């Protein structure tokens, strides 16, 4: 079952992202438990900024955890607008193209590499165990500390999809960004979490500022409501 981090707002996501680095550095207080956690011998867990950016990848461009872990810097390109990253999805074998912001591109390129060109993966054959033991388990532990239930990698991708749909992105475009073969798949997993079309339209209409010849029109003393 799909489960975005927040159906409304970004409270859970913001809390997780503010806490993950201190958690991996043993700086986060854990009520009722020892402050320090077990010694971490795997590189991804010794590099908090890398782990942080791994979560950014899933939340901001919608990659599955398997594809995010295998993120290859050689495939990352940029132009004046954004980055673009095309990869063959591990789960389906289909290609997908994502568009990281230039700010995210800069962060990704500045990360220490665990293996040449790979900031999140050490190249071991059993990558599923690598994800389950190090990524999933760490997120579950962090969720327990923060009292956020069921914190797992796919919820970041789920949030990416729902956030786009709620902001007005056409569901066919979301399908392409997620790399789904069928529009039915996108609708099946994400439609239940999307705001009603009327509410979404109203919010986007109210929040859009009117312009005349590119100049923002100000309405002083205008009350909102």
N, C-alpha and C. Protein backbone atom coordinates (compact mmCIF):
# COMPACT_ATOMS: atom_id res chain seq x y z
N UNK A 1 0.85 -1.20 0.00
CA UNK A 1 0.00 0.00 0.00
C UNK A 1 0.88 1.24 0.00
N UNK A 2 0.55 2.19 -0.87
CA UNK A 2 1.31 3.43 -0.91
C UNK A 2 0.98 4.29 0.30
N UNK A 3 1.95 5.05 0.76
CA UNK A 3 1.74 5.84 1.97
C UNK A 3 2.67 7.05 1.96
N UNK A 4 2.21 8.20 1.43
CA UNK A 4 3.08 9.38 1.45
C UNK A 4 3.39 9.80 2.88
N UNK A 5 4.48 10.49 3.06
CA UNK A 5 4.89 10.91 4.40
C UNK A 5 3.88 11.84 5.03
N UNK A 6 3.26 12.68 4.23
CA UNK A 6 2.22 13.59 4.71
C UNK A 6 1.15 13.70 3.63
N UNK A 7 -0.09 13.46 4.01
CA UNK A 7 -1.16 13.70 3.06
C UNK A 7 -1.37 15.19 2.86
N UNK A 8 -1.11 15.96 3.90
CA UNK A 8 -1.20 17.42 3.83
C UNK A 8 0.04 18.01 4.50
N UNK A 9 0.72 18.93 3.81
CA UNK A 9 1.88 19.56 4.42
C UNK A 9 3.11 18.67 4.37
N UNK A 10 4.17 19.11 5.03
CA UNK A 10 5.44 18.39 4.97
C UNK A 10 6.06 18.19 6.35
N UNK A 11 5.23 18.14 7.38
CA UNK A 11 5.75 18.06 8.74
C UNK A 11 6.67 16.87 8.94
N UNK A 12 6.19 15.68 8.58
CA UNK A 12 6.99 14.48 8.81
C UNK A 12 8.29 14.51 8.02
N UNK A 13 8.20 14.91 6.76
CA UNK A 13 9.41 14.98 5.93
C UNK A 13 10.41 15.98 6.51
N UNK A 14 9.95 17.15 6.88
CA UNK A 14 10.84 18.16 7.45
C UNK A 14 11.52 17.66 8.72
N UNK A 15 10.77 16.95 9.55
CA UNK A 15 11.33 16.43 10.79
C UNK A 15 12.37 15.36 10.52
N UNK A 16 12.08 14.48 9.58
CA UNK A 16 13.04 13.43 9.22
C UNK A 16 14.32 14.04 8.68
N UNK A 17 14.20 15.00 7.78
CA UNK A 17 15.39 15.58 7.15
C UNK A 17 16.20 16.41 8.14
N UNK A 18 15.54 17.00 9.11
CA UNK A 18 16.27 17.77 10.13
C UNK A 18 16.98 16.85 11.12
N UNK A 19 16.55 15.60 11.19
CA UNK A 19 17.04 14.70 12.23
C UNK A 19 18.01 13.64 11.74
N UNK A 20 18.02 13.35 10.44
CA UNK A 20 18.77 12.19 9.96
C UNK A 20 20.28 12.36 10.15
N UNK A 21 20.80 13.54 9.90
CA UNK A 21 22.25 13.74 10.08
C UNK A 21 22.66 13.64 11.55
N UNK A 22 21.98 14.37 12.47
CA UNK A 22 22.30 14.18 13.89
C UNK A 22 22.13 12.73 14.35
N UNK A 23 21.14 12.05 13.82
CA UNK A 23 20.92 10.65 14.19
C UNK A 23 22.12 9.79 13.81
N UNK A 24 22.62 9.95 12.59
CA UNK A 24 23.75 9.15 12.13
C UNK A 24 25.06 9.56 12.83
N UNK A 25 25.09 10.77 13.38
CA UNK A 25 26.27 11.23 14.12
C UNK A 25 26.16 10.95 15.62
N UNK A 26 25.12 10.23 16.01
CA UNK A 26 24.88 9.92 17.42
C UNK A 26 24.67 11.17 18.26
N UNK A 27 24.11 12.21 17.66
CA UNK A 27 23.86 13.46 18.38
C UNK A 27 22.39 13.64 18.74
N UNK A 28 21.55 12.74 18.30
CA UNK A 28 20.12 12.87 18.53
C UNK A 28 19.72 12.14 19.80
N UNK A 29 19.07 12.86 20.69
CA UNK A 29 18.63 12.24 21.93
C UNK A 29 17.55 11.21 21.63
N UNK A 30 17.65 10.09 22.29
CA UNK A 30 16.69 9.01 22.09
C UNK A 30 16.03 8.71 23.43
N UNK A 31 14.87 9.27 23.68
CA UNK A 31 14.22 9.10 24.99
C UNK A 31 14.07 7.64 25.38
N UNK A 32 14.50 7.35 26.60
CA UNK A 32 14.36 6.00 27.11
C UNK A 32 15.40 5.03 26.60
N UNK A 33 16.32 5.49 25.77
CA UNK A 33 17.34 4.61 25.22
C UNK A 33 18.71 5.27 25.34
N UNK A 34 19.73 4.48 25.09
CA UNK A 34 21.07 5.06 25.07
C UNK A 34 21.18 6.04 23.91
N UNK A 35 21.96 7.09 24.12
CA UNK A 35 22.12 8.09 23.07
C UNK A 35 22.87 7.51 21.88
N UNK A 36 23.91 6.74 22.15
CA UNK A 36 24.72 6.21 21.06
C UNK A 36 24.09 4.95 20.50
N UNK A 37 24.26 4.77 19.21
CA UNK A 37 23.77 3.58 18.55
C UNK A 37 24.94 2.72 18.12
N UNK A 38 24.64 1.57 17.59
CA UNK A 38 25.70 0.62 17.27
C UNK A 38 26.72 1.24 16.30
N UNK A 39 27.93 0.76 16.38
CA UNK A 39 28.97 1.27 15.49
C UNK A 39 28.61 0.95 14.04
N UNK A 40 28.72 1.92 13.18
CA UNK A 40 28.34 1.76 11.78
C UNK A 40 29.59 1.55 10.94
N UNK A 41 29.66 0.39 10.29
CA UNK A 41 30.85 0.05 9.52
C UNK A 41 30.67 0.25 8.03
N UNK A 42 29.43 0.47 7.59
CA UNK A 42 29.15 0.64 6.17
C UNK A 42 29.28 2.12 5.80
N UNK A 43 29.91 2.40 4.67
CA UNK A 43 30.25 3.77 4.32
C UNK A 43 29.04 4.71 4.23
N UNK A 44 27.94 4.24 3.67
CA UNK A 44 26.78 5.12 3.54
C UNK A 44 26.30 5.61 4.90
N UNK A 45 26.51 4.80 5.94
CA UNK A 45 26.09 5.18 7.28
C UNK A 45 27.15 6.01 8.00
N UNK A 46 28.34 6.04 7.45
CA UNK A 46 29.40 6.88 8.00
C UNK A 46 29.44 8.25 7.32
N UNK A 47 28.62 8.42 6.31
CA UNK A 47 28.58 9.67 5.55
C UNK A 47 27.17 10.25 5.62
N UNK A 48 26.83 10.96 6.70
CA UNK A 48 25.45 11.46 6.88
C UNK A 48 24.95 12.32 5.75
N UNK A 49 25.82 13.14 5.14
CA UNK A 49 25.38 13.99 4.05
C UNK A 49 24.97 13.15 2.84
N UNK A 50 25.67 12.05 2.61
CA UNK A 50 25.30 11.15 1.51
C UNK A 50 23.93 10.53 1.76
N UNK A 51 23.71 10.07 2.99
CA UNK A 51 22.42 9.47 3.33
C UNK A 51 21.31 10.51 3.17
N UNK A 52 21.57 11.72 3.62
CA UNK A 52 20.61 12.82 3.49
C UNK A 52 20.24 13.05 2.02
N UNK A 53 21.25 13.08 1.15
CA UNK A 53 21.00 13.32 -0.27
C UNK A 53 20.30 12.15 -0.94
N UNK A 54 20.50 10.95 -0.44
CA UNK A 54 19.78 9.80 -0.95
C UNK A 54 18.28 9.98 -0.74
N UNK A 55 17.90 10.49 0.43
CA UNK A 55 16.49 10.76 0.70
C UNK A 55 15.98 11.90 -0.18
N UNK A 56 16.81 12.91 -0.41
CA UNK A 56 16.43 13.99 -1.31
C UNK A 56 16.11 13.47 -2.71
N UNK A 57 16.92 12.55 -3.19
CA UNK A 57 16.70 11.99 -4.53
C UNK A 57 15.31 11.38 -4.65
N UNK A 58 14.93 10.59 -3.67
CA UNK A 58 13.64 9.92 -3.73
C UNK A 58 12.50 10.90 -3.59
N UNK A 59 12.66 11.89 -2.75
CA UNK A 59 11.58 12.85 -2.48
C UNK A 59 11.47 13.91 -3.56
N UNK A 60 12.59 14.34 -4.13
CA UNK A 60 12.56 15.47 -5.07
C UNK A 60 12.46 15.04 -6.52
N UNK A 61 12.95 13.83 -6.88
CA UNK A 61 12.82 13.42 -8.28
C UNK A 61 12.15 12.06 -8.44
N UNK A 62 11.76 11.43 -7.33
CA UNK A 62 10.87 10.28 -7.41
C UNK A 62 11.50 8.95 -7.74
N UNK A 63 12.81 8.80 -7.61
CA UNK A 63 13.43 7.51 -7.90
C UNK A 63 13.05 6.46 -6.85
N UNK A 64 12.91 5.21 -7.29
CA UNK A 64 12.80 4.11 -6.34
C UNK A 64 14.11 3.99 -5.57
N UNK A 65 14.06 3.39 -4.40
CA UNK A 65 15.27 3.28 -3.60
C UNK A 65 16.35 2.48 -4.33
N UNK A 66 15.97 1.46 -5.08
CA UNK A 66 16.98 0.66 -5.80
C UNK A 66 17.71 1.51 -6.84
N UNK A 67 16.96 2.37 -7.54
CA UNK A 67 17.58 3.23 -8.55
C UNK A 67 18.34 4.39 -7.91
N UNK A 68 17.84 4.89 -6.78
CA UNK A 68 18.54 5.97 -6.08
C UNK A 68 19.88 5.48 -5.52
N UNK A 69 19.88 4.29 -4.94
CA UNK A 69 21.13 3.73 -4.40
C UNK A 69 22.16 3.54 -5.52
N UNK A 70 21.69 3.15 -6.69
CA UNK A 70 22.60 2.93 -7.82
C UNK A 70 22.83 4.21 -8.64
N UNK A 71 22.52 5.36 -8.07
CA UNK A 71 22.68 6.62 -8.79
C UNK A 71 24.11 6.76 -9.29
N UNK A 72 24.25 7.01 -10.61
CA UNK A 72 25.55 7.05 -11.27
C UNK A 72 25.82 8.48 -11.75
N UNK A 73 26.80 9.13 -11.16
CA UNK A 73 27.08 10.52 -11.49
C UNK A 73 27.44 10.74 -12.96
N UNK A 74 27.89 9.69 -13.65
CA UNK A 74 28.24 9.83 -15.07
C UNK A 74 27.02 10.09 -15.93
N UNK A 75 25.84 9.72 -15.45
CA UNK A 75 24.61 9.90 -16.22
C UNK A 75 23.95 11.26 -15.96
N UNK A 76 24.49 12.03 -15.07
CA UNK A 76 23.89 13.30 -14.67
C UNK A 76 24.36 14.42 -15.60
N UNK A 77 23.40 15.09 -16.21
CA UNK A 77 23.69 16.21 -17.11
C UNK A 77 22.96 17.45 -16.63
N UNK A 78 23.36 18.60 -17.14
CA UNK A 78 22.69 19.86 -16.77
C UNK A 78 22.58 20.77 -17.98
N UNK A 79 21.62 21.68 -17.90
CA UNK A 79 21.59 22.84 -18.79
C UNK A 79 21.32 24.05 -17.91
N UNK A 80 20.86 25.14 -18.48
CA UNK A 80 20.66 26.36 -17.70
C UNK A 80 19.41 26.29 -16.83
N UNK A 81 18.55 25.28 -17.05
CA UNK A 81 17.29 25.20 -16.33
C UNK A 81 17.35 24.21 -15.18
N UNK A 82 17.89 23.02 -15.43
CA UNK A 82 17.89 21.96 -14.41
C UNK A 82 18.89 20.90 -14.77
N UNK A 83 18.98 19.92 -13.93
CA UNK A 83 19.69 18.71 -14.29
C UNK A 83 18.73 17.75 -14.97
N UNK A 84 19.27 16.74 -15.61
CA UNK A 84 18.44 15.65 -16.12
C UNK A 84 19.24 14.36 -16.03
N UNK A 85 18.55 13.33 -15.64
CA UNK A 85 19.19 12.05 -15.32
C UNK A 85 18.34 10.93 -15.90
N UNK A 86 18.89 10.18 -16.83
CA UNK A 86 18.19 9.06 -17.46
C UNK A 86 18.86 7.76 -17.05
N UNK A 87 18.05 6.82 -16.60
CA UNK A 87 18.58 5.54 -16.17
C UNK A 87 17.61 4.43 -16.50
N UNK A 88 18.10 3.21 -16.56
CA UNK A 88 17.25 2.04 -16.74
C UNK A 88 16.83 1.56 -15.36
N UNK A 89 15.53 1.51 -15.12
CA UNK A 89 15.04 1.12 -13.80
C UNK A 89 15.34 -0.34 -13.51
N UNK A 90 15.83 -0.59 -12.32
CA UNK A 90 16.21 -1.94 -11.93
C UNK A 90 14.99 -2.86 -11.86
N UNK A 91 13.88 -2.34 -11.36
CA UNK A 91 12.69 -3.17 -11.17
C UNK A 91 12.05 -3.59 -12.49
N UNK A 92 11.96 -2.66 -13.44
CA UNK A 92 11.22 -2.92 -14.67
C UNK A 92 12.08 -3.05 -15.91
N UNK A 93 13.28 -2.51 -15.88
CA UNK A 93 14.12 -2.49 -17.07
C UNK A 93 13.80 -1.35 -18.01
N UNK A 94 12.76 -0.57 -17.70
CA UNK A 94 12.37 0.56 -18.54
C UNK A 94 13.22 1.80 -18.19
N UNK A 95 13.42 2.65 -19.17
CA UNK A 95 14.16 3.88 -18.93
C UNK A 95 13.24 4.93 -18.31
N UNK A 96 13.81 5.78 -17.48
CA UNK A 96 13.08 6.89 -16.90
C UNK A 96 14.02 8.09 -16.86
N UNK A 97 13.48 9.28 -17.08
CA UNK A 97 14.26 10.51 -17.01
C UNK A 97 13.70 11.39 -15.90
N UNK A 98 14.59 11.84 -15.03
CA UNK A 98 14.22 12.70 -13.91
C UNK A 98 14.94 14.03 -14.04
N UNK A 99 14.43 15.02 -13.31
CA UNK A 99 14.96 16.38 -13.47
C UNK A 99 15.32 17.01 -12.12
N UNK A 100 16.50 16.68 -11.59
CA UNK A 100 16.92 17.30 -10.33
C UNK A 100 17.19 18.79 -10.52
N UNK A 101 16.92 19.55 -9.48
CA UNK A 101 17.21 20.98 -9.54
C UNK A 101 18.72 21.19 -9.63
N UNK A 102 19.11 22.36 -10.07
CA UNK A 102 20.54 22.66 -10.15
C UNK A 102 21.18 22.65 -8.76
N UNK A 103 20.42 23.05 -7.76
CA UNK A 103 20.94 23.01 -6.39
C UNK A 103 21.21 21.58 -5.96
N UNK A 104 20.29 20.67 -6.29
CA UNK A 104 20.50 19.27 -5.94
C UNK A 104 21.67 18.68 -6.73
N UNK A 105 21.79 19.05 -7.99
CA UNK A 105 22.93 18.59 -8.80
C UNK A 105 24.25 18.98 -8.15
N UNK A 106 24.31 20.22 -7.70
CA UNK A 106 25.54 20.71 -7.05
C UNK A 106 25.86 19.89 -5.81
N UNK A 107 24.85 19.58 -5.01
CA UNK A 107 25.06 18.79 -3.80
C UNK A 107 25.52 17.39 -4.15
N UNK A 108 24.90 16.79 -5.14
CA UNK A 108 25.25 15.43 -5.53
C UNK A 108 26.70 15.35 -6.00
N UNK A 109 27.11 16.31 -6.77
CA UNK A 109 28.47 16.30 -7.32
C UNK A 109 29.53 16.61 -6.26
N UNK A 110 29.11 17.17 -5.15
CA UNK A 110 30.07 17.50 -4.09
C UNK A 110 30.24 16.36 -3.08
N UNK A 111 29.43 15.32 -3.19
CA UNK A 111 29.46 14.24 -2.21
C UNK A 111 30.70 13.37 -2.37
N UNK A 112 31.23 12.84 -1.26
CA UNK A 112 32.27 11.81 -1.37
C UNK A 112 31.69 10.60 -2.10
N UNK A 113 32.50 9.95 -2.91
CA UNK A 113 32.03 8.78 -3.64
C UNK A 113 32.43 7.51 -2.89
N UNK A 114 31.46 6.64 -2.68
CA UNK A 114 31.73 5.39 -1.98
C UNK A 114 32.45 4.43 -2.91
N UNK A 115 32.00 4.38 -4.15
CA UNK A 115 32.68 3.70 -5.23
C UNK A 115 32.74 4.69 -6.37
N UNK A 116 33.73 4.61 -7.24
CA UNK A 116 33.90 5.59 -8.29
C UNK A 116 32.59 5.84 -9.04
N UNK A 117 32.16 7.11 -9.03
CA UNK A 117 30.93 7.59 -9.68
C UNK A 117 29.66 7.26 -8.90
N UNK A 118 29.78 6.56 -7.78
CA UNK A 118 28.59 6.15 -7.01
C UNK A 118 28.68 6.69 -5.58
N UNK A 119 27.86 7.70 -5.24
CA UNK A 119 27.91 8.27 -3.90
C UNK A 119 27.11 7.51 -2.85
N UNK A 120 26.33 6.48 -3.26
CA UNK A 120 25.45 5.81 -2.31
C UNK A 120 25.63 4.30 -2.23
N UNK A 121 26.50 3.73 -3.04
CA UNK A 121 26.57 2.27 -3.13
C UNK A 121 28.02 1.82 -3.26
N UNK A 122 28.33 0.71 -2.59
CA UNK A 122 29.70 0.21 -2.61
C UNK A 122 29.95 -0.87 -3.66
N UNK A 123 28.94 -1.18 -4.45
CA UNK A 123 29.15 -2.11 -5.57
C UNK A 123 28.98 -3.57 -5.26
N UNK A 124 28.58 -3.91 -4.05
CA UNK A 124 28.43 -5.33 -3.71
C UNK A 124 27.35 -5.99 -4.56
N UNK A 125 27.48 -7.31 -4.73
CA UNK A 125 26.55 -8.04 -5.58
C UNK A 125 25.15 -8.06 -4.99
N UNK A 126 25.05 -8.28 -3.70
CA UNK A 126 23.74 -8.40 -3.05
C UNK A 126 23.25 -7.01 -2.65
N UNK A 127 22.79 -6.25 -3.63
CA UNK A 127 22.35 -4.88 -3.36
C UNK A 127 21.05 -4.85 -2.58
N UNK A 128 20.22 -5.88 -2.70
CA UNK A 128 18.97 -5.90 -1.93
C UNK A 128 19.25 -5.97 -0.43
N UNK A 129 20.19 -6.79 -0.05
CA UNK A 129 20.56 -6.88 1.36
C UNK A 129 21.18 -5.57 1.83
N UNK A 130 21.96 -4.93 0.96
CA UNK A 130 22.55 -3.63 1.28
C UNK A 130 21.46 -2.61 1.62
N UNK A 131 20.40 -2.58 0.81
CA UNK A 131 19.29 -1.65 1.04
C UNK A 131 18.53 -2.02 2.31
N UNK A 132 18.20 -3.30 2.45
CA UNK A 132 17.39 -3.72 3.60
C UNK A 132 18.13 -3.50 4.92
N UNK A 133 19.41 -3.83 4.94
CA UNK A 133 20.18 -3.78 6.18
C UNK A 133 20.57 -2.35 6.56
N UNK A 134 20.86 -1.54 5.57
CA UNK A 134 21.42 -0.22 5.87
C UNK A 134 20.45 0.95 5.65
N UNK A 135 19.66 0.89 4.60
CA UNK A 135 18.76 2.00 4.32
C UNK A 135 17.43 1.82 5.03
N UNK A 136 16.78 0.70 4.78
CA UNK A 136 15.47 0.46 5.40
C UNK A 136 15.56 0.41 6.92
N UNK A 137 16.53 -0.30 7.42
CA UNK A 137 16.65 -0.46 8.87
C UNK A 137 16.95 0.87 9.55
N UNK A 138 17.82 1.65 8.97
CA UNK A 138 18.16 2.95 9.55
C UNK A 138 16.94 3.88 9.57
N UNK A 139 16.18 3.90 8.48
CA UNK A 139 14.99 4.74 8.45
C UNK A 139 13.95 4.28 9.46
N UNK A 140 13.80 2.97 9.62
CA UNK A 140 12.85 2.46 10.61
C UNK A 140 13.27 2.87 12.02
N UNK A 141 14.58 2.79 12.31
CA UNK A 141 15.09 3.21 13.62
C UNK A 141 14.84 4.70 13.84
N UNK A 142 15.09 5.50 12.83
CA UNK A 142 14.88 6.94 12.95
C UNK A 142 13.40 7.23 13.16
N UNK A 143 12.53 6.53 12.44
CA UNK A 143 11.10 6.72 12.62
C UNK A 143 10.65 6.41 14.03
N UNK A 144 11.23 5.38 14.63
CA UNK A 144 10.89 5.03 16.02
C UNK A 144 11.30 6.14 16.97
N UNK A 145 12.47 6.71 16.73
CA UNK A 145 12.95 7.81 17.59
C UNK A 145 12.04 9.03 17.46
N UNK A 146 11.59 9.31 16.25
CA UNK A 146 10.79 10.51 15.99
C UNK A 146 9.30 10.27 16.19
N UNK A 147 8.94 9.03 16.48
CA UNK A 147 7.53 8.66 16.64
C UNK A 147 6.73 8.90 15.36
N UNK A 148 7.35 8.58 14.23
CA UNK A 148 6.68 8.61 12.93
C UNK A 148 6.57 7.17 12.46
N UNK A 149 5.37 6.65 12.30
CA UNK A 149 5.22 5.23 11.96
C UNK A 149 5.61 4.92 10.52
N UNK A 150 6.14 3.72 10.34
CA UNK A 150 6.39 3.17 9.01
C UNK A 150 7.23 4.06 8.11
N UNK A 151 8.34 4.55 8.64
CA UNK A 151 9.25 5.32 7.80
C UNK A 151 10.08 4.33 6.98
N UNK A 152 9.87 4.36 5.69
CA UNK A 152 10.58 3.46 4.78
C UNK A 152 10.85 4.19 3.47
N UNK A 153 11.80 3.70 2.66
CA UNK A 153 12.23 4.46 1.47
C UNK A 153 11.13 4.81 0.50
N UNK A 154 10.20 3.89 0.24
CA UNK A 154 9.23 4.15 -0.83
C UNK A 154 8.29 5.30 -0.49
N UNK A 155 8.17 5.63 0.78
CA UNK A 155 7.29 6.74 1.16
C UNK A 155 7.81 8.08 0.63
N UNK A 156 9.12 8.18 0.38
CA UNK A 156 9.67 9.41 -0.18
C UNK A 156 9.25 9.53 -1.65
N UNK A 157 9.30 8.44 -2.38
CA UNK A 157 8.83 8.42 -3.77
C UNK A 157 7.33 8.66 -3.83
N UNK A 158 6.58 8.04 -2.92
CA UNK A 158 5.14 8.26 -2.86
C UNK A 158 4.83 9.74 -2.66
N UNK A 159 5.57 10.38 -1.78
CA UNK A 159 5.34 11.80 -1.50
C UNK A 159 5.63 12.65 -2.73
N UNK A 160 6.68 12.29 -3.47
CA UNK A 160 7.00 12.99 -4.72
C UNK A 160 5.79 12.97 -5.65
N UNK A 161 5.19 11.80 -5.82
CA UNK A 161 4.05 11.66 -6.73
C UNK A 161 2.85 12.47 -6.26
N UNK A 162 2.49 12.32 -5.00
CA UNK A 162 1.31 13.00 -4.47
C UNK A 162 1.51 14.51 -4.46
N UNK A 163 2.69 14.97 -4.11
CA UNK A 163 2.96 16.41 -4.10
C UNK A 163 2.79 17.01 -5.51
N UNK A 164 3.28 16.29 -6.52
CA UNK A 164 3.13 16.78 -7.89
C UNK A 164 1.67 16.83 -8.31
N UNK A 165 0.94 15.79 -7.99
CA UNK A 165 -0.47 15.75 -8.38
C UNK A 165 -1.26 16.85 -7.69
N UNK A 166 -0.97 17.07 -6.42
CA UNK A 166 -1.68 18.11 -5.68
C UNK A 166 -1.31 19.52 -6.12
N UNK A 167 -0.13 19.66 -6.72
CA UNK A 167 0.28 20.98 -7.20
C UNK A 167 -0.20 21.24 -8.62
N UNK A 168 -0.89 20.26 -9.21
CA UNK A 168 -1.48 20.48 -10.52
C UNK A 168 -0.78 19.82 -11.68
N UNK A 169 0.28 19.06 -11.45
CA UNK A 169 0.95 18.35 -12.53
C UNK A 169 0.01 17.29 -13.10
N UNK A 170 -0.09 17.24 -14.41
CA UNK A 170 -0.97 16.26 -15.05
C UNK A 170 -0.53 14.85 -14.68
N UNK A 171 -1.50 13.98 -14.43
CA UNK A 171 -1.17 12.64 -13.97
C UNK A 171 -0.38 11.86 -15.02
N UNK A 172 -0.54 12.20 -16.29
CA UNK A 172 0.25 11.53 -17.34
C UNK A 172 1.72 11.94 -17.25
N UNK A 173 1.96 13.18 -16.86
CA UNK A 173 3.35 13.61 -16.66
C UNK A 173 3.95 12.95 -15.43
N UNK A 174 3.15 12.80 -14.38
CA UNK A 174 3.62 12.10 -13.18
C UNK A 174 3.94 10.65 -13.52
N UNK A 175 3.12 10.04 -14.34
CA UNK A 175 3.39 8.67 -14.79
C UNK A 175 4.77 8.59 -15.44
N UNK A 176 5.10 9.54 -16.31
CA UNK A 176 6.40 9.54 -16.98
C UNK A 176 7.53 9.75 -15.99
N UNK A 177 7.34 10.68 -15.05
CA UNK A 177 8.39 10.97 -14.07
C UNK A 177 8.67 9.76 -13.17
N UNK A 178 7.62 8.98 -12.88
CA UNK A 178 7.78 7.79 -12.04
C UNK A 178 8.29 6.59 -12.83
N UNK A 179 8.17 6.65 -14.15
CA UNK A 179 8.58 5.52 -14.97
C UNK A 179 7.59 4.39 -14.98
N UNK A 180 6.31 4.68 -14.73
CA UNK A 180 5.27 3.66 -14.78
C UNK A 180 4.93 3.33 -16.24
N UNK A 181 4.78 2.05 -16.54
CA UNK A 181 4.38 1.67 -17.89
C UNK A 181 2.94 2.05 -18.18
N UNK A 182 2.10 1.96 -17.16
CA UNK A 182 0.67 2.17 -17.34
C UNK A 182 0.17 3.33 -16.50
N UNK A 183 -0.69 4.14 -17.08
CA UNK A 183 -1.34 5.22 -16.33
C UNK A 183 -2.20 4.64 -15.22
N UNK A 184 -2.75 3.46 -15.45
CA UNK A 184 -3.59 2.80 -14.45
C UNK A 184 -2.83 2.58 -13.15
N UNK A 185 -1.54 2.25 -13.26
CA UNK A 185 -0.71 2.04 -12.07
C UNK A 185 -0.61 3.32 -11.25
N UNK A 186 -0.35 4.44 -11.93
CA UNK A 186 -0.24 5.72 -11.24
C UNK A 186 -1.55 6.07 -10.54
N UNK A 187 -2.66 5.89 -11.25
CA UNK A 187 -3.97 6.20 -10.68
C UNK A 187 -4.29 5.29 -9.50
N UNK A 188 -3.96 4.02 -9.62
CA UNK A 188 -4.26 3.05 -8.57
C UNK A 188 -3.58 3.40 -7.26
N UNK A 189 -2.32 3.77 -7.33
CA UNK A 189 -1.55 3.98 -6.11
C UNK A 189 -1.71 5.37 -5.52
N UNK A 190 -1.96 6.36 -6.34
CA UNK A 190 -1.88 7.73 -5.83
C UNK A 190 -3.18 8.52 -5.83
N UNK A 191 -4.16 8.12 -6.61
CA UNK A 191 -5.43 8.86 -6.63
C UNK A 191 -6.07 9.00 -5.25
N UNK A 192 -6.05 7.97 -4.38
CA UNK A 192 -6.72 8.11 -3.08
C UNK A 192 -6.14 9.20 -2.19
N UNK A 193 -4.89 9.62 -2.44
CA UNK A 193 -4.25 10.60 -1.58
C UNK A 193 -4.27 12.01 -2.15
N UNK A 194 -4.81 12.16 -3.33
CA UNK A 194 -4.81 13.47 -3.97
C UNK A 194 -6.02 14.26 -3.53
N UNK A 195 -5.82 15.55 -3.28
CA UNK A 195 -6.93 16.43 -2.92
C UNK A 195 -7.98 16.40 -4.02
N UNK A 196 -9.19 16.71 -3.68
CA UNK A 196 -10.23 16.78 -4.69
C UNK A 196 -9.82 17.78 -5.76
N UNK A 197 -10.24 17.53 -6.99
CA UNK A 197 -9.86 18.43 -8.09
C UNK A 197 -10.36 19.85 -7.84
N UNK A 198 -11.53 19.98 -7.21
CA UNK A 198 -12.08 21.31 -6.92
C UNK A 198 -11.20 22.06 -5.92
N UNK A 199 -10.78 21.37 -4.84
CA UNK A 199 -9.94 22.00 -3.84
C UNK A 199 -8.59 22.37 -4.42
N UNK A 200 -8.01 21.44 -5.19
CA UNK A 200 -6.71 21.70 -5.80
C UNK A 200 -6.77 22.90 -6.74
N UNK A 201 -7.82 22.95 -7.56
CA UNK A 201 -7.98 24.06 -8.49
C UNK A 201 -8.15 25.38 -7.75
N UNK A 202 -8.95 25.36 -6.69
CA UNK A 202 -9.20 26.58 -5.91
C UNK A 202 -7.90 27.10 -5.30
N UNK A 203 -7.11 26.21 -4.70
CA UNK A 203 -5.87 26.64 -4.06
C UNK A 203 -4.89 27.19 -5.09
N UNK A 204 -4.76 26.53 -6.23
CA UNK A 204 -3.83 27.00 -7.25
C UNK A 204 -4.29 28.34 -7.84
N UNK A 205 -5.60 28.51 -7.96
CA UNK A 205 -6.13 29.76 -8.50
C UNK A 205 -5.95 30.91 -7.52
N UNK A 206 -6.26 30.68 -6.24
CA UNK A 206 -6.16 31.71 -5.22
C UNK A 206 -4.71 32.12 -5.00
N UNK A 207 -3.80 31.17 -5.05
CA UNK A 207 -2.40 31.45 -4.74
C UNK A 207 -1.64 32.07 -5.91
N UNK A 208 -2.24 32.05 -7.10
CA UNK A 208 -1.55 32.61 -8.26
C UNK A 208 -1.77 34.11 -8.33
N UNK A 209 -0.69 34.87 -8.38
CA UNK A 209 -0.81 36.32 -8.42
C UNK A 209 -1.09 36.79 -9.84
N UNK A 210 -2.05 37.69 -10.03
CA UNK A 210 -2.31 38.22 -11.37
C UNK A 210 -1.17 39.09 -11.85
N UNK A 211 -0.92 39.07 -13.14
CA UNK A 211 0.16 39.88 -13.70
C UNK A 211 -0.36 40.67 -14.89
N UNK A 212 0.25 41.84 -15.12
CA UNK A 212 -0.04 42.64 -16.31
C UNK A 212 1.30 42.98 -16.97
N UNK A 213 1.50 42.46 -18.16
CA UNK A 213 2.75 42.66 -18.90
C UNK A 213 3.96 42.29 -18.05
N UNK A 214 3.83 41.20 -17.32
CA UNK A 214 4.95 40.69 -16.55
C UNK A 214 5.17 41.36 -15.22
N UNK A 215 4.35 42.36 -14.89
CA UNK A 215 4.51 43.07 -13.62
C UNK A 215 3.49 42.55 -12.62
N UNK A 216 3.94 42.25 -11.43
CA UNK A 216 3.03 41.76 -10.40
C UNK A 216 2.12 42.88 -9.96
N UNK A 217 0.84 42.59 -9.94
CA UNK A 217 -0.14 43.57 -9.49
C UNK A 217 -0.34 43.42 -8.00
N UNK A 218 -0.09 44.50 -7.25
CA UNK A 218 -0.25 44.46 -5.79
C UNK A 218 -1.63 44.98 -5.42
N UNK A 219 -2.19 44.38 -4.39
CA UNK A 219 -3.48 44.80 -3.89
C UNK A 219 -3.34 45.16 -2.42
N UNK A 220 -2.86 46.35 -2.09
CA UNK A 220 -2.64 46.73 -0.69
C UNK A 220 -3.93 46.71 0.10
N UNK A 221 -3.79 46.29 1.35
CA UNK A 221 -4.94 46.25 2.28
C UNK A 221 -6.00 45.26 1.87
N UNK A 222 -5.66 44.39 0.92
CA UNK A 222 -6.63 43.37 0.49
C UNK A 222 -6.66 42.26 1.53
N UNK A 223 -7.81 41.94 2.03
CA UNK A 223 -7.94 40.86 2.98
C UNK A 223 -8.10 39.55 2.25
N UNK A 224 -7.48 38.52 2.81
CA UNK A 224 -7.61 37.20 2.22
C UNK A 224 -8.64 36.41 2.97
N UNK A 225 -9.22 35.43 2.35
CA UNK A 225 -10.19 34.62 3.03
C UNK A 225 -11.16 34.01 2.07
